[in-house]
Structure formats: structure tokens, C-alpha cells
PDB file of N, CA and C in Angstrom:
ATOM      1  N   MET A   1       1.035  -1.157   0.108  1.00  0.00           N
ATOM      2  CA  MET A   1       0.210   0.141   0.354  1.00  0.00           C
ATOM      3  C   MET A   1       0.939   1.277  -0.091  1.00  0.00           C
ATOM      4  N   ASN A   2       1.855   1.035   0.053  1.00  0.00           N
ATOM      5  CA  ASN A   2       2.889   2.298   0.092  1.00  0.00           C
ATOM      6  C   ASN A   2       2.977   3.069  -1.287  1.00  0.00           C
ATOM      7  N   TRP A   3       2.575   2.253  -2.276  1.00  0.00           N
ATOM      8  CA  TRP A   3       2.824   2.660  -3.496  1.00  0.00           C
ATOM      9  C   TRP A   3       1.668   3.704  -3.759  1.00  0.00           C
ATOM     10  N   LEU A   4       0.534   3.443  -2.917  1.00  0.00           N
ATOM     11  CA  LEU A   4      -0.901   4.337  -3.089  1.00  0.00           C
ATOM     12  C   LEU A   4      -0.738   5.538  -2.719  1.00  0.00           C
ATOM     13  N   THR A   5       0.053   5.503  -1.490  1.00  0.00           N
ATOM     14  CA  THR A   5       0.227   7.281  -0.789  1.00  0.00           C
ATOM     15  C   THR A   5       1.288   7.883  -1.529  1.00  0.00           C
ATOM     16  N   GLN A   6       2.224   7.097  -2.318  1.00  0.00           N
ATOM     17  CA  GLN A   6       3.275   7.818  -3.010  1.00  0.00           C
ATOM     18  C   GLN A   6       3.344   8.648  -3.971  1.00  0.00           C
ATOM     19  N   LEU A   7       1.292   7.912  -4.834  1.00  0.00           N
ATOM     20  CA  LEU A   7       1.015   8.196  -6.022  1.00  0.00           C
ATOM     21  C   LEU A   7       0.524   9.459  -5.875  1.00  0.00           C
ATOM     22  N   PHE A   8       0.101   9.652  -4.503  1.00  0.00           N
ATOM     23  CA  PHE A   8      -0.496  11.289  -4.316  1.00  0.00           C
ATOM     24  C   PHE A   8       0.539  12.103  -3.775  1.00  0.00           C
ATOM     25  N   THR A   9       1.502  12.041  -3.147  1.00  0.00           N
ATOM     26  CA  THR A   9       2.676  12.851  -2.413  1.00  0.00           C
ATOM     27  C   THR A   9       3.728  12.899  -2.954  1.00  0.00           C
ATOM     28  N   GLN A  10       3.934  12.110  -4.290  1.00  0.00           N
ATOM     29  CA  GLN A  10       5.797  12.330  -5.097  1.00  0.00           C
ATOM     30  C   GLN A  10       5.627  12.641  -5.999  1.00  0.00           C
ATOM     31  N   GLN A  11       6.019  13.316  -6.772  1.00  0.00           N
ATOM     32  CA  GLN A  11       5.948  13.715  -8.253  1.00  0.00           C
ATOM     33  C   GLN A  11       6.352  12.732  -9.155  1.00  0.00           C
ATOM     34  N   SER A  12       5.958  11.994  -9.684  1.00  0.00           N
ATOM     35  CA  SER A  12       6.170  10.881 -10.718  1.00  0.00           C
ATOM     36  C   SER A  12       5.167  10.883 -12.045  1.00  0.00           C
ATOM     37  N   ILE A  13       5.536  10.359 -13.115  1.00  0.00           N
ATOM     38  CA  ILE A  13       5.103  10.343 -14.347  1.00  0.00           C
ATOM     39  C   ILE A  13       3.761   9.685 -13.899  1.00  0.00           C
ATOM     40  N   ALA A  14       3.326   8.992 -12.997  1.00  0.00           N
ATOM     41  CA  ALA A  14       1.958   8.035 -12.533  1.00  0.00           C
ATOM     42  C   ALA A  14       1.125   9.338 -11.882  1.00  0.00           C
ATOM     43  N   HIS A  15       1.849  10.130 -11.042  1.00  0.00           N
ATOM     44  CA  HIS A  15       1.260  11.072 -10.510  1.00  0.00           C
ATOM     45  C   HIS A  15       0.535  12.149 -11.787  1.00  0.00           C
ATOM     46  N   ASP A  16       1.366  12.402 -12.691  1.00  0.00           N
ATOM     47  CA  ASP A  16       0.986  13.339 -13.896  1.00  0.00           C
ATOM     48  C   ASP A  16      -0.108  12.992 -14.674  1.00  0.00           C
ATOM     49  N   ILE A  17      -0.290  12.032 -14.658  1.00  0.00           N
ATOM     50  CA  ILE A  17      -1.099  10.815 -15.623  1.00  0.00           C
ATOM     51  C   ILE A  17      -2.325  10.842 -14.642  1.00  0.00           C
ATOM     52  N   LEU A  18      -2.363  10.825 -13.337  1.00  0.00           N
ATOM     53  CA  LEU A  18      -3.579  10.779 -12.646  1.00  0.00           C
ATOM     54  C   LEU A  18      -4.046  11.847 -12.631  1.00  0.00           C
ATOM     55  N   ILE A  19      -3.261  12.927 -12.602  1.00  0.00           N
ATOM     56  CA  ILE A  19      -3.795  14.321 -12.177  1.00  0.00           C
ATOM     57  C   ILE A  19      -4.714  14.919 -13.886  1.00  0.00           C
ATOM     58  N   TYR A  20      -3.795  14.522 -14.537  1.00  0.00           N
ATOM     59  CA  TYR A  20      -4.662  14.932 -16.182  1.00  0.00           C
ATOM     60  C   TYR A  20      -6.049  13.953 -16.174  1.00  0.00           C
ATOM     61  N   SER A  21      -5.660  12.531 -16.090  1.00  0.00           N
ATOM     62  CA  SER A  21      -7.011  11.537 -15.889  1.00  0.00           C
ATOM     63  C   SER A  21      -8.088  12.626 -15.204  1.00  0.00           C
ATOM     64  N   CYS A  22      -7.784  12.783 -13.821  1.00  0.00           N
ATOM     65  CA  CYS A  22      -9.242  13.443 -13.289  1.00  0.00           C
ATOM     66  C   CYS A  22      -9.498  14.744 -13.720  1.00  0.00           C
ATOM     67  N   ILE A  23      -8.269  15.724 -14.226  1.00  0.00           N
ATOM     68  CA  ILE A  23      -8.811  16.728 -14.707  1.00  0.00           C
ATOM     69  C   ILE A  23     -10.197  16.400 -15.958  1.00  0.00           C
ATOM     70  N   ILE A  24      -9.530  15.735 -17.259  1.00  0.00           N
ATOM     71  CA  ILE A  24     -10.026  15.374 -18.185  1.00  0.00           C
ATOM     72  C   ILE A  24     -11.758  14.240 -17.943  1.00  0.00           C
ATOM     73  N   ALA A  25     -11.569  13.759 -16.735  1.00  0.00           N
ATOM     74  CA  ALA A  25     -12.500  12.738 -16.438  1.00  0.00           C
ATOM     75  C   ALA A  25     -13.825  13.703 -16.029  1.00  0.00           C
ATOM     76  N   LEU A  26     -13.346  14.763 -14.810  1.00  0.00           N
ATOM     77  CA  LEU A  26     -14.324  15.586 -14.565  1.00  0.00           C
ATOM     78  C   LEU A  26     -15.123  16.340 -15.637  1.00  0.00           C
ATOM     79  N   GLY A  27     -14.145  16.752 -16.418  1.00  0.00           N
ATOM     80  CA  GLY A  27     -14.298  17.821 -17.414  1.00  0.00           C
ATOM     81  C   GLY A  27     -15.416  17.169 -18.443  1.00  0.00           C
ATOM     82  N   LEU A  28     -15.307  15.722 -18.608  1.00  0.00           N
ATOM     83  CA  LEU A  28     -16.272  15.082 -19.327  1.00  0.00           C
ATOM     84  C   LEU A  28     -17.500  15.106 -19.035  1.00  0.00           C
ATOM     85  N   ALA A  29     -17.353  14.304 -17.510  1.00  0.00           N
ATOM     86  CA  ALA A  29     -18.506  14.322 -16.873  1.00  0.00           C
ATOM     87  C   ALA A  29     -19.446  15.582 -16.525  1.00  0.00           C
ATOM     88  N   PHE A  30     -19.088  16.744 -16.619  1.00  0.00           N
ATOM     89  CA  PHE A  30     -19.817  17.852 -16.104  1.00  0.00           C
ATOM     90  C   PHE A  30     -19.721  18.823 -17.685  1.00  0.00           C
ATOM     91  N   GLY A  31     -19.233  18.427 -18.380  1.00  0.00           N
ATOM     92  CA  GLY A  31     -19.666  18.649 -19.982  1.00  0.00           C
ATOM     93  C   GLY A  31     -20.890  18.154 -20.235  1.00  0.00           C
ATOM     94  N   LYS A  32     -21.570  17.032 -20.218  1.00  0.00           N
ATOM     95  CA  LYS A  32     -22.812  16.108 -20.622  1.00  0.00           C
ATOM     96  C   LYS A  32     -23.959  16.751 -19.320  1.00  0.00           C
ATOM     97  N   LEU A  33     -23.743  17.756 -18.768  1.00  0.00           N
ATOM     98  CA  LEU A  33     -24.773  18.635 -17.779  1.00  0.00           C
ATOM     99  C   LEU A  33     -25.114  19.988 -18.669  1.00  0.00           C
ATOM    100  N   ARG A  34     -26.712  19.848 -18.675  1.00  0.00           N
ATOM    101  CA  ARG A  34     -27.548  20.480 -19.741  1.00  0.00           C
ATOM    102  C   ARG A  34     -28.220  21.636 -18.085  1.00  0.00           C
ATOM    103  N   ILE A  35     -27.707  22.760 -18.347  1.00  0.00           N
ATOM    104  CA  ILE A  35     -28.628  23.949 -17.440  1.00  0.00           C
ATOM    105  C   ILE A  35     -29.397  24.741 -18.131  1.00  0.00           C
ATOM    106  N   PHE A  36     -30.834  24.514 -18.062  1.00  0.00           N
ATOM    107  CA  PHE A  36     -31.590  25.322 -18.490  1.00  0.00           C
ATOM    108  C   PHE A  36     -31.458  25.268 -20.725  1.00  0.00           C
ATOM    109  N   GLY A  37     -31.074  23.749 -20.709  1.00  0.00           N
ATOM    110  CA  GLY A  37     -30.851  23.443 -22.132  1.00  0.00           C
ATOM    111  C   GLY A  37     -30.044  24.156 -22.544  1.00  0.00           C
ATOM    112  N   VAL A  38     -28.629  24.248 -21.850  1.00  0.00           N
ATOM    113  CA  VAL A  38     -27.306  24.618 -22.380  1.00  0.00           C
ATOM    114  C   VAL A  38     -26.206  23.741 -21.807  1.00  0.00           C
ATOM    115  N   SER A  39     -25.544  23.232 -22.441  1.00  0.00           N
ATOM    116  CA  SER A  39     -24.246  22.790 -22.397  1.00  0.00           C
ATOM    117  C   SER A  39     -23.096  23.043 -22.659  1.00  0.00           C
ATOM    118  N   LEU A  40     -22.055  23.356 -21.692  1.00  0.00           N
ATOM    119  CA  LEU A  40     -20.321  23.818 -21.986  1.00  0.00           C
ATOM    120  C   LEU A  40     -19.488  23.109 -22.696  1.00  0.00           C
ATOM    121  N   GLY A  41     -20.503  21.620 -23.121  1.00  0.00           N
ATOM    122  CA  GLY A  41     -19.464  20.266 -23.521  1.00  0.00           C
ATOM    123  C   GLY A  41     -17.676  20.339 -22.909  1.00  0.00           C
ATOM    124  N   ILE A  42     -16.924  20.318 -23.831  1.00  0.00           N
ATOM    125  CA  ILE A  42     -16.190  20.376 -23.802  1.00  0.00           C
ATOM    126  C   ILE A  42     -14.973  20.768 -22.692  1.00  0.00           C
ATOM    127  N   THR A  43     -15.300  22.548 -22.895  1.00  0.00           N
ATOM    128  CA  THR A  43     -15.085  23.664 -22.294  1.00  0.00           C
ATOM    129  C   THR A  43     -14.909  23.472 -20.351  1.00  0.00           C
ATOM    130  N   TRP A  44     -15.586  22.699 -20.020  1.00  0.00           N
ATOM    131  CA  TRP A  44     -15.492  22.079 -18.478  1.00  0.00           C
ATOM    132  C   TRP A  44     -14.277  21.867 -18.433  1.00  0.00           C
ATOM    133  N   VAL A  45     -13.053  21.055 -19.293  1.00  0.00           N
ATOM    134  CA  VAL A  45     -12.009  20.424 -19.255  1.00  0.00           C
ATOM    135  C   VAL A  45     -11.046  21.588 -18.800  1.00  0.00           C
ATOM    136  N   LEU A  46     -11.332  22.821 -19.726  1.00  0.00           N
ATOM    137  CA  LEU A  46     -10.507  23.864 -19.567  1.00  0.00           C
ATOM    138  C   LEU A  46     -10.579  24.625 -17.757  1.00  0.00           C
ATOM    139  N   PHE A  47     -12.227  24.835 -17.296  1.00  0.00           N
ATOM    140  CA  PHE A  47     -12.332  24.786 -16.266  1.00  0.00           C
ATOM    141  C   PHE A  47     -11.682  24.559 -15.089  1.00  0.00           C
ATOM    142  N   PHE A  48     -11.675  22.847 -15.329  1.00  0.00           N
ATOM    143  CA  PHE A  48     -11.255  21.989 -13.990  1.00  0.00           C
ATOM    144  C   PHE A  48      -9.548  22.045 -14.065  1.00  0.00           C
ATOM    145  N   ALA A  49      -8.778  22.744 -15.392  1.00  0.00           N
ATOM    146  CA  ALA A  49      -7.464  22.732 -15.544  1.00  0.00           C
ATOM    147  C   ALA A  49      -7.182  23.762 -14.384  1.00  0.00           C
ATOM    148  N   ILE A  50      -7.815  25.033 -15.020  1.00  0.00           N
ATOM    149  CA  ILE A  50      -8.021  26.313 -14.556  1.00  0.00           C
ATOM    150  C   ILE A  50      -7.667  26.154 -12.553  1.00  0.00           C
ATOM    151  N   LEU A  51      -9.002  25.565 -12.415  1.00  0.00           N
ATOM    152  CA  LEU A  51      -9.351  25.045 -11.188  1.00  0.00           C
ATOM    153  C   LEU A  51      -8.135  24.282 -10.613  1.00  0.00           C
ATOM    154  N   PHE A  52      -7.734  23.045 -10.974  1.00  0.00           N
ATOM    155  CA  PHE A  52      -7.194  22.460 -10.314  1.00  0.00           C
ATOM    156  C   PHE A  52      -5.254  23.240 -10.427  1.00  0.00           C
ATOM    157  N   ALA A  53      -5.054  23.998 -11.387  1.00  0.00           N
ATOM    158  CA  ALA A  53      -3.960  25.187 -11.363  1.00  0.00           C
ATOM    159  C   ALA A  53      -3.900  25.818 -10.271  1.00  0.00           C
ATOM    160  N   ASN A  54      -5.354  26.316  -9.827  1.00  0.00           N
ATOM    161  CA  ASN A  54      -5.224  27.389  -9.051  1.00  0.00           C
ATOM    162  C   ASN A  54      -4.989  26.887  -7.730  1.00  0.00           C
ATOM    163  N   MET A  55      -5.296  25.800  -7.163  1.00  0.00           N
ATOM    164  CA  MET A  55      -5.890  24.850  -5.869  1.00  0.00           C
ATOM    165  C   MET A  55      -3.901  24.510  -5.869  1.00  0.00           C
ATOM    166  N   GLY A  56      -3.078  24.747  -7.035  1.00  0.00           N
ATOM    167  CA  GLY A  56      -1.648  24.565  -6.623  1.00  0.00           C
ATOM    168  C   GLY A  56      -1.051  23.135  -7.051  1.00  0.00           C
ATOM    169  N   LEU A  57      -2.036  22.488  -7.887  1.00  0.00           N
ATOM    170  CA  LEU A  57      -1.219  21.112  -8.705  1.00  0.00           C
ATOM    171  C   LEU A  57      -0.119  21.240  -9.520  1.00  0.00           C
ATOM    172  N   THR A  58       0.890  20.725  -9.674  1.00  0.00           N
ATOM    173  CA  THR A  58       1.785  20.903 -10.892  1.00  0.00           C
ATOM    174  C   THR A  58       1.750  19.586 -11.045  1.00  0.00           C
ATOM    175  N   VAL A  59       2.629  19.579 -12.088  1.00  0.00           N
ATOM    176  CA  VAL A  59       3.032  18.402 -12.884  1.00  0.00           C
ATOM    177  C   VAL A  59       4.507  18.397 -13.237  1.00  0.00           C
ATOM    178  N   ASN A  60       5.440  17.651 -13.715  1.00  0.00           N
ATOM    179  CA  ASN A  60       6.523  17.770 -14.282  1.00  0.00           C
ATOM    180  C   ASN A  60       6.482  18.597 -15.497  1.00  0.00           C
ATOM    181  N   PRO A  61       7.804  19.349 -15.477  1.00  0.00           N
ATOM    182  CA  PRO A  61       7.601  20.381 -16.527  1.00  0.00           C
ATOM    183  C   PRO A  61       8.138  19.368 -18.071  1.00  0.00           C
ATOM    184  N   ASP A  62       8.912  18.242 -17.840  1.00  0.00           N
ATOM    185  CA  ASP A  62       9.266  17.670 -18.795  1.00  0.00           C
ATOM    186  C   ASP A  62       8.005  16.429 -19.460  1.00  0.00           C
ATOM    187  N   THR A  63       7.118  16.043 -18.629  1.00  0.00           N
ATOM    188  CA  THR A  63       5.653  15.349 -19.075  1.00  0.00           C
ATOM    189  C   THR A  63       5.038  16.377 -19.366  1.00  0.00           C
ATOM    190  N   GLU A  64       4.869  17.993 -19.041  1.00  0.00           N
ATOM    191  CA  GLU A  64       4.027  18.810 -19.865  1.00  0.00           C
ATOM    192  C   GLU A  64       4.434  18.870 -21.041  1.00  0.00           C
ATOM    193  N   HIS A  65       6.090  19.417 -21.191  1.00  0.00           N
ATOM    194  CA  HIS A  65       6.116  19.896 -22.889  1.00  0.00           C
ATOM    195  C   HIS A  65       6.021  18.572 -23.633  1.00  0.00           C
ATOM    196  N   PHE A  66       6.125  17.303 -22.934  1.00  0.00           N
ATOM    197  CA  PHE A  66       5.862  16.127 -23.909  1.00  0.00           C
ATOM    198  C   PHE A  66       4.541  15.885 -24.292  1.00  0.00           C
ATOM    199  N   LEU A  67       3.778  16.493 -23.638  1.00  0.00           N
ATOM    200  CA  LEU A  67       1.875  15.994 -23.888  1.00  0.00           C
ATOM    201  C   LEU A  67       1.840  17.344 -25.043  1.00  0.00           C
ATOM    202  N   LYS A  68       2.308  18.653 -24.614  1.00  0.00           N
ATOM    203  CA  LYS A  68       1.949  20.020 -25.298  1.00  0.00           C
ATOM    204  C   LYS A  68       2.508  19.538 -27.021  1.00  0.00           C
ATOM    205  N   GLU A  69       3.503  18.822 -27.020  1.00  0.00           N
ATOM    206  CA  GLU A  69       4.243  18.523 -28.309  1.00  0.00           C
ATOM    207  C   GLU A  69       3.053  17.380 -29.043  1.00  0.00           C
ATOM    208  N   PHE A  70       2.792  16.434 -28.323  1.00  0.00           N
ATOM    209  CA  PHE A  70       2.010  14.813 -28.746  1.00  0.00           C
ATOM    210  C   PHE A  70       0.803  15.838 -29.143  1.00  0.00           C
ATOM    211  N   GLY A  71       0.534  16.245 -28.334  1.00  0.00           N
ATOM    212  CA  GLY A  71      -0.979  17.151 -28.804  1.00  0.00           C
ATOM    213  C   GLY A  71      -0.770  18.013 -30.117  1.00  0.00           C
ATOM    214  N   LEU A  72       0.090  18.695 -29.739  1.00  0.00           N
ATOM    215  CA  LEU A  72       0.412  19.433 -31.512  1.00  0.00           C
ATOM    216  C   LEU A  72       0.485  18.666 -32.527  1.00  0.00           C
ATOM    217  N   VAL A  73       1.154  17.605 -32.501  1.00  0.00           N
ATOM    218  CA  VAL A  73       1.375  16.551 -33.358  1.00  0.00           C
ATOM    219  C   VAL A  73      -0.077  15.446 -34.050  1.00  0.00           C
ATOM    220  N   LEU A  74      -0.745  15.341 -33.052  1.00  0.00           N
ATOM    221  CA  LEU A  74      -1.768  14.514 -33.333  1.00  0.00           C
ATOM    222  C   LEU A  74      -2.915  15.731 -33.804  1.00  0.00           C
ATOM    223  N   PHE A  75      -3.121  17.141 -33.397  1.00  0.00           N
ATOM    224  CA  PHE A  75      -4.205  18.086 -34.328  1.00  0.00           C
ATOM    225  C   PHE A  75      -3.321  18.101 -35.433  1.00  0.00           C
ATOM    226  N   VAL A  76      -2.292  18.115 -35.553  1.00  0.00           N
ATOM    227  CA  VAL A  76      -1.767  18.315 -37.227  1.00  0.00           C
ATOM    228  C   VAL A  76      -2.154  17.817 -38.043  1.00  0.00           C
ATOM    229  N   TYR A  77      -1.903  16.406 -37.591  1.00  0.00           N
ATOM    230  CA  TYR A  77      -2.295  14.577 -38.277  1.00  0.00           C
ATOM    231  C   TYR A  77      -3.508  14.442 -38.364  1.00  0.00           C
ATOM    232  N   CYS A  78      -4.494  15.276 -37.673  1.00  0.00           N
ATOM    233  CA  CYS A  78      -5.982  15.307 -38.019  1.00  0.00           C
ATOM    234  C   CYS A  78      -6.202  15.878 -38.882  1.00  0.00           C
ATOM    235  N   ILE A  79      -5.636  17.025 -38.491  1.00  0.00           N
ATOM    236  CA  ILE A  79      -6.402  18.439 -40.112  1.00  0.00           C
ATOM    237  C   ILE A  79      -5.767  17.953 -41.327  1.00  0.00           C
ATOM    238  N   GLY A  80      -4.573  17.220 -41.410  1.00  0.00           N
ATOM    239  CA  GLY A  80      -4.022  16.643 -42.588  1.00  0.00           C
ATOM    240  C   GLY A  80      -4.915  15.628 -43.470  1.00  0.00           C
ATOM    241  N   LEU A  81      -5.395  14.667 -42.450  1.00  0.00           N
ATOM    242  CA  LEU A  81      -6.291  13.255 -42.837  1.00  0.00           C
ATOM    243  C   LEU A  81      -7.517  14.400 -43.153  1.00  0.00           C
ATOM    244  N   GLN A  82      -7.885  15.173 -42.798  1.00  0.00           N
ATOM    245  CA  GLN A  82      -9.430  15.887 -43.037  1.00  0.00           C
ATOM    246  C   GLN A  82      -9.011  16.551 -44.206  1.00  0.00           C
ATOM    247  N   VAL A  83      -8.088  17.159 -44.085  1.00  0.00           N
ATOM    248  CA  VAL A  83      -8.027  18.416 -45.208  1.00  0.00           C
ATOM    249  C   VAL A  83      -7.086  17.620 -46.723  1.00  0.00           C
ATOM    250  N   GLY A  84      -6.350  16.745 -46.353  1.00  0.00           N
ATOM    251  CA  GLY A  84      -5.449  16.298 -47.457  1.00  0.00           C
ATOM    252  C   GLY A  84      -5.699  16.036 -48.772  1.00  0.00           C
ATOM    253  N   PRO A  85      -6.838  14.870 -48.771  1.00  0.00           N
ATOM    254  CA  PRO A  85      -7.453  14.884 -49.872  1.00  0.00           C
ATOM    255  C   PRO A  85      -8.418  15.381 -50.856  1.00  0.00           C
ATOM    256  N   SER A  86      -8.939  16.517 -50.161  1.00  0.00           N
ATOM    257  CA  SER A  86      -9.227  17.483 -51.231  1.00  0.00           C
ATOM    258  C   SER A  86      -8.387  18.692 -51.663  1.00  0.00           C
ATOM    259  N   PHE A  87      -7.168  18.678 -51.103  1.00  0.00           N
ATOM    260  CA  PHE A  87      -5.977  19.770 -51.128  1.00  0.00           C
ATOM    261  C   PHE A  87      -5.630  19.513 -52.309  1.00  0.00           C
ATOM    262  N   PHE A  88      -5.452  18.381 -53.308  1.00  0.00           N
ATOM    263  CA  PHE A  88      -4.545  18.291 -54.514  1.00  0.00           C
ATOM    264  C   PHE A  88      -5.977  18.334 -55.303  1.00  0.00           C
ATOM    265  N   ASN A  89      -7.369  18.160 -55.274  1.00  0.00           N
ATOM    266  CA  ASN A  89      -8.198  18.504 -55.872  1.00  0.00           C
ATOM    267  C   ASN A  89      -8.610  19.985 -56.428  1.00  0.00           C
ATOM    268  N   SER A  90      -8.413  20.778 -55.258  1.00  0.00           N
ATOM    269  CA  SER A  90      -8.728  22.159 -55.579  1.00  0.00           C
ATOM    270  C   SER A  90      -7.199  22.899 -56.447  1.00  0.00           C
ATOM    271  N   LEU A  91      -6.157  22.136 -56.171  1.00  0.00           N
ATOM    272  CA  LEU A  91      -5.496  22.710 -57.259  1.00  0.00           C
ATOM    273  C   LEU A  91      -5.738  22.648 -58.752  1.00  0.00           C
TER     274      LEU A  91
END
């Protein structure tokens, strides 16, 4: 059970993944709620990220840098898949 207490008290990759997972899970769960017929959707993930950062939770800068770069690569890849086939047809 020592690993369980270390997961929440010491900085590690597992700790960072746990923080990111909690933020994403809470954001997606709240995104499904409708208030007066209005839902903020995926925006709740941003709100929970701001809340957790304001509470003082931090992650390893190396892990943060990797996830930023990986997210950018996935974004560019998905845009390329969507726009790529019609790009040469439009020329």
C-alpha cells in the first residue's frame, strides 16, 4: 500500500497521468450536464484545469512539454487527414 500513498504525495509520471486523467474525466462528466438547455461541453475540461492549477497542483515540466508537443502533432495529423485529399483536387 506504500505505492498508493506515494502516488498522491511524490512527483512521478504516474502522478502526472493521474492529475491529467482526473481533470479530463471531471471535465467530460460535467460537459454532459445541461443547465436550462445549455451545455458547455468540452469547455469544462479547461475550467477544471484552471481550477486544479489554482489549487496548486503541478506536474513535471518534462511531462507537460511532451504532452504539449504530442497534442500538437496529433492536431496537425488530424487536420492533414481531413484536408489532405481535397487539397490536390482544388489545385
